């Protein structure tokens, strides 16, 4: 099972919503967000920066019509036991900032482009849930 949190705040591209981290950084930098929420977001962001590998940019690329496109999206794997509760914490903090967040789970994330012990990057296919329902 693969788990992803989506935020319909922005679309990465048509039909694919952002995950947690783009909006988390945005809110952590936003002076209109209460200080205590920004500090809590930074604590979670810093934990993830120290404990979750960041896939290289090329891990998101897929060749399509002789051009490379960043079509990959990230999913937590079942092995992400310690990371999943932290992701739920980021989701809760984003909701407190007014950002809607939904958890999406699937057995079919699409074509896997990158894998480490806790996450994958996959190019979604027609069966992959990518947007807010």
C-alpha atoms as a PDB file:
ATOM      1  CA  UNK A   1       0.000   0.000   0.000  1.00  0.00           C
ATOM      2  CA  UNK A   2       1.248   3.478  -0.862  1.00  0.00           C
ATOM      3  CA  UNK A   3       0.060   6.606   0.925  1.00  0.00           C
ATOM      4  CA  UNK A   4       0.151  10.204  -0.210  1.00  0.00           C
ATOM      5  CA  UNK A   5      -1.307  13.404   1.182  1.00  0.00           C
ATOM      6  CA  UNK A   6      -2.722  15.838  -1.346  1.00  0.00           C
ATOM      7  CA  UNK A   7      -3.609  19.487  -1.074  1.00  0.00           C
ATOM      8  CA  UNK A   8      -6.020  20.887  -3.628  1.00  0.00           C
ATOM      9  CA  UNK A   9      -4.532  24.292  -2.960  1.00  0.00           C
ATOM     10  CA  UNK A  10      -2.383  23.994  -6.090  1.00  0.00           C
ATOM     11  CA  UNK A  11      -1.992  21.622  -8.975  1.00  0.00           C
ATOM     12  CA  UNK A  12       1.512  20.503  -9.881  1.00  0.00           C
ATOM     13  CA  UNK A  13       0.125  20.125 -13.358  1.00  0.00           C
ATOM     14  CA  UNK A  14      -3.367  19.604 -14.720  1.00  0.00           C
ATOM     15  CA  UNK A  15      -4.998  16.747 -12.840  1.00  0.00           C
ATOM     16  CA  UNK A  16      -2.299  16.258 -10.188  1.00  0.00           C
ATOM     17  CA  UNK A  17      -2.457  18.007  -6.827  1.00  0.00           C
ATOM     18  CA  UNK A  18       0.525  18.932  -4.686  1.00  0.00           C
ATOM     19  CA  UNK A  19       1.606  16.804  -1.775  1.00  0.00           C
ATOM     20  CA  UNK A  20       2.443  18.097   1.693  1.00  0.00           C
ATOM     21  CA  UNK A  21       5.810  19.725   1.376  1.00  0.00           C
ATOM     22  CA  UNK A  22       5.207  22.571  -1.089  1.00  0.00           C
ATOM     23  CA  UNK A  23       2.327  23.981   0.957  1.00  0.00           C
ATOM     24  CA  UNK A  24       4.218  23.282   4.210  1.00  0.00           C
ATOM     25  CA  UNK A  25       7.165  25.426   3.095  1.00  0.00           C
ATOM     26  CA  UNK A  26       4.770  28.097   1.814  1.00  0.00           C
ATOM     27  CA  UNK A  27       2.906  28.299   5.145  1.00  0.00           C
ATOM     28  CA  UNK A  28       6.133  28.167   7.173  1.00  0.00           C
ATOM     29  CA  UNK A  29       7.310  31.284   5.301  1.00  0.00           C
ATOM     30  CA  UNK A  30       3.947  33.091   5.389  1.00  0.00           C
ATOM     31  CA  UNK A  31       3.947  35.971   7.885  1.00  0.00           C
ATOM     32  CA  UNK A  32       0.128  35.827   7.971  1.00  0.00           C
ATOM     33  CA  UNK A  33       0.277  32.330   9.505  1.00  0.00           C
ATOM     34  CA  UNK A  34       0.443  32.467  13.324  1.00  0.00           C
ATOM     35  CA  UNK A  35       3.968  32.183  14.684  1.00  0.00           C
ATOM     36  CA  UNK A  36       3.252  29.025  16.680  1.00  0.00           C
ATOM     37  CA  UNK A  37       2.045  27.220  13.528  1.00  0.00           C
ATOM     38  CA  UNK A  38       5.052  28.384  11.515  1.00  0.00           C
ATOM     39  CA  UNK A  39       7.404  27.138  14.250  1.00  0.00           C
ATOM     40  CA  UNK A  40       5.622  23.772  14.429  1.00  0.00           C
ATOM     41  CA  UNK A  41       5.792  23.424  10.639  1.00  0.00           C
ATOM     42  CA  UNK A  42       9.502  24.237  10.647  1.00  0.00           C
ATOM     43  CA  UNK A  43      10.099  21.579  13.305  1.00  0.00           C
ATOM     44  CA  UNK A  44       8.408  18.954  11.131  1.00  0.00           C
ATOM     45  CA  UNK A  45      10.069  20.173   7.929  1.00  0.00           C
ATOM     46  CA  UNK A  46      13.500  20.048   9.560  1.00  0.00           C
ATOM     47  CA  UNK A  47      12.810  16.518  10.828  1.00  0.00           C
ATOM     48  CA  UNK A  48      11.903  15.382   7.307  1.00  0.00           C
ATOM     49  CA  UNK A  49      14.942  17.146   5.826  1.00  0.00           C
ATOM     50  CA  UNK A  50      17.146  15.169   8.240  1.00  0.00           C
ATOM     51  CA  UNK A  51      15.317  11.822   8.000  1.00  0.00           C
ATOM     52  CA  UNK A  52      13.871  11.417   4.512  1.00  0.00           C
ATOM     53  CA  UNK A  53      16.060  11.306   1.410  1.00  0.00           C
ATOM     54  CA  UNK A  54      15.187  13.851  -1.253  1.00  0.00           C
ATOM     55  CA  UNK A  55      14.998  12.121  -4.633  1.00  0.00           C
ATOM     56  CA  UNK A  56      17.185  13.709  -7.271  1.00  0.00           C
ATOM     57  CA  UNK A  57      15.356  15.933  -9.717  1.00  0.00           C
ATOM     58  CA  UNK A  58      15.888  13.437 -12.528  1.00  0.00           C
ATOM     59  CA  UNK A  59      13.929  10.845 -10.502  1.00  0.00           C
ATOM     60  CA  UNK A  60      10.746  12.713 -11.448  1.00  0.00           C
ATOM     61  CA  UNK A  61      11.446  12.853 -15.190  1.00  0.00           C
ATOM     62  CA  UNK A  62       9.732  10.797 -17.870  1.00  0.00           C
ATOM     63  CA  UNK A  63      10.481  11.049 -21.570  1.00  0.00           C
ATOM     64  CA  UNK A  64       7.347  11.864 -23.530  1.00  0.00           C
ATOM     65  CA  UNK A  65       7.260  12.930 -27.160  1.00  0.00           C
ATOM     66  CA  UNK A  66      11.043  13.418 -27.213  1.00  0.00           C
ATOM     67  CA  UNK A  67      10.887  15.742 -24.194  1.00  0.00           C
ATOM     68  CA  UNK A  68      11.474  15.115 -20.533  1.00  0.00           C
ATOM     69  CA  UNK A  69       8.588  16.026 -18.225  1.00  0.00           C
ATOM     70  CA  UNK A  70       8.516  16.023 -14.433  1.00  0.00           C
ATOM     71  CA  UNK A  71       5.622  13.573 -14.143  1.00  0.00           C
ATOM     72  CA  UNK A  72       6.641  11.701 -10.987  1.00  0.00           C
ATOM     73  CA  UNK A  73       4.790  12.092  -7.687  1.00  0.00           C
ATOM     74  CA  UNK A  74       5.904  10.875  -4.257  1.00  0.00           C
ATOM     75  CA  UNK A  75       4.273   8.186  -2.142  1.00  0.00           C
ATOM     76  CA  UNK A  76       5.164   6.815   1.286  1.00  0.00           C
ATOM     77  CA  UNK A  77       5.628   3.038   1.404  1.00  0.00           C
ATOM     78  CA  UNK A  78       4.446   0.637   4.092  1.00  0.00           C
ATOM     79  CA  UNK A  79       7.971   0.739   5.529  1.00  0.00           C
ATOM     80  CA  UNK A  80       7.655   4.449   6.396  1.00  0.00           C
ATOM     81  CA  UNK A  81       6.389   3.673   9.922  1.00  0.00           C
ATOM     82  CA  UNK A  82       8.196   6.546  11.639  1.00  0.00           C
ATOM     83  CA  UNK A  83       7.584   8.969   8.804  1.00  0.00           C
ATOM     84  CA  UNK A  84       3.836   8.404   8.403  1.00  0.00           C
ATOM     85  CA  UNK A  85       2.860   9.833  11.815  1.00  0.00           C
ATOM     86  CA  UNK A  86       5.055  12.849  11.078  1.00  0.00           C
ATOM     87  CA  UNK A  87       3.264  13.290   7.746  1.00  0.00           C
ATOM     88  CA  UNK A  88      -0.073  13.183   9.594  1.00  0.00           C
ATOM     89  CA  UNK A  89       1.293  15.926  11.880  1.00  0.00           C
ATOM     90  CA  UNK A  90       2.217  18.099   8.882  1.00  0.00           C
ATOM     91  CA  UNK A  91      -1.259  17.486   7.431  1.00  0.00           C
ATOM     92  CA  UNK A  92      -2.888  18.575  10.712  1.00  0.00           C
ATOM     93  CA  UNK A  93      -0.730  21.714  10.875  1.00  0.00           C
ATOM     94  CA  UNK A  94      -1.620  22.598   7.281  1.00  0.00           C
ATOM     95  CA  UNK A  95      -5.309  22.205   8.085  1.00  0.00           C
ATOM     96  CA  UNK A  96      -4.793  24.589  11.018  1.00  0.00           C
ATOM     97  CA  UNK A  97      -3.334  27.024   8.465  1.00  0.00           C
ATOM     98  CA  UNK A  98      -6.497  26.723   6.381  1.00  0.00           C
ATOM     99  CA  UNK A  99      -5.097  24.341   3.765  1.00  0.00           C
ATOM    100  CA  UNK A 100      -7.362  21.370   3.007  1.00  0.00           C
ATOM    101  CA  UNK A 101      -5.480  18.058   3.043  1.00  0.00           C
ATOM    102  CA  UNK A 102      -6.636  14.567   2.104  1.00  0.00           C
ATOM    103  CA  UNK A 103      -4.908  11.221   2.547  1.00  0.00           C
ATOM    104  CA  UNK A 104      -4.895   9.020  -0.551  1.00  0.00           C
ATOM    105  CA  UNK A 105      -3.926   5.346  -0.514  1.00  0.00           C
ATOM    106  CA  UNK A 106      -3.441   2.976  -3.433  1.00  0.00           C
ATOM    107  CA  UNK A 107      -1.912  -0.314  -4.455  1.00  0.00           C
ATOM    108  CA  UNK A 108      -1.374   1.122  -7.954  1.00  0.00           C
ATOM    109  CA  UNK A 109       0.800   4.240  -7.863  1.00  0.00           C
ATOM    110  CA  UNK A 110       1.815   3.911 -11.508  1.00  0.00           C
ATOM    111  CA  UNK A 111       5.250   3.384 -13.056  1.00  0.00           C
ATOM    112  CA  UNK A 112       7.890   3.492 -10.311  1.00  0.00           C
ATOM    113  CA  UNK A 113      10.721   5.874 -11.238  1.00  0.00           C
ATOM    114  CA  UNK A 114      12.582   5.953  -7.901  1.00  0.00           C
ATOM    115  CA  UNK A 115      12.530   3.900  -4.719  1.00  0.00           C
ATOM    116  CA  UNK A 116      14.234   4.119  -1.354  1.00  0.00           C
ATOM    117  CA  UNK A 117      13.419   2.485   1.987  1.00  0.00           C
ATOM    118  CA  UNK A 118      10.506   4.855   2.771  1.00  0.00           C
ATOM    119  CA  UNK A 119       9.123   6.302  -0.436  1.00  0.00           C
ATOM    120  CA  UNK A 120       8.711   5.941  -4.142  1.00  0.00           C
ATOM    121  CA  UNK A 121       8.352   8.377  -7.000  1.00  0.00           C
ATOM    122  CA  UNK A 122       5.914   7.092  -9.600  1.00  0.00           C
ATOM    123  CA  UNK A 123       4.435   8.322 -12.849  1.00  0.00           C
ATOM    124  CA  UNK A 124       0.682   8.030 -12.302  1.00  0.00           C
ATOM    125  CA  UNK A 125      -1.516   6.116 -14.702  1.00  0.00           C
ATOM    126  CA  UNK A 126      -5.295   6.154 -15.200  1.00  0.00           C
ATOM    127  CA  UNK A 127      -5.898   4.094 -12.029  1.00  0.00           C
ATOM    128  CA  UNK A 128      -3.746   6.285  -9.778  1.00  0.00           C
ATOM    129  CA  UNK A 129      -5.619   8.694  -7.469  1.00  0.00           C
ATOM    130  CA  UNK A 130      -4.002  12.108  -7.989  1.00  0.00           C
ATOM    131  CA  UNK A 131      -6.653  14.696  -7.216  1.00  0.00           C
ATOM    132  CA  UNK A 132      -9.106  15.718  -4.545  1.00  0.00           C
ATOM    133  CA  UNK A 133     -12.398  13.816  -4.711  1.00  0.00           C
END
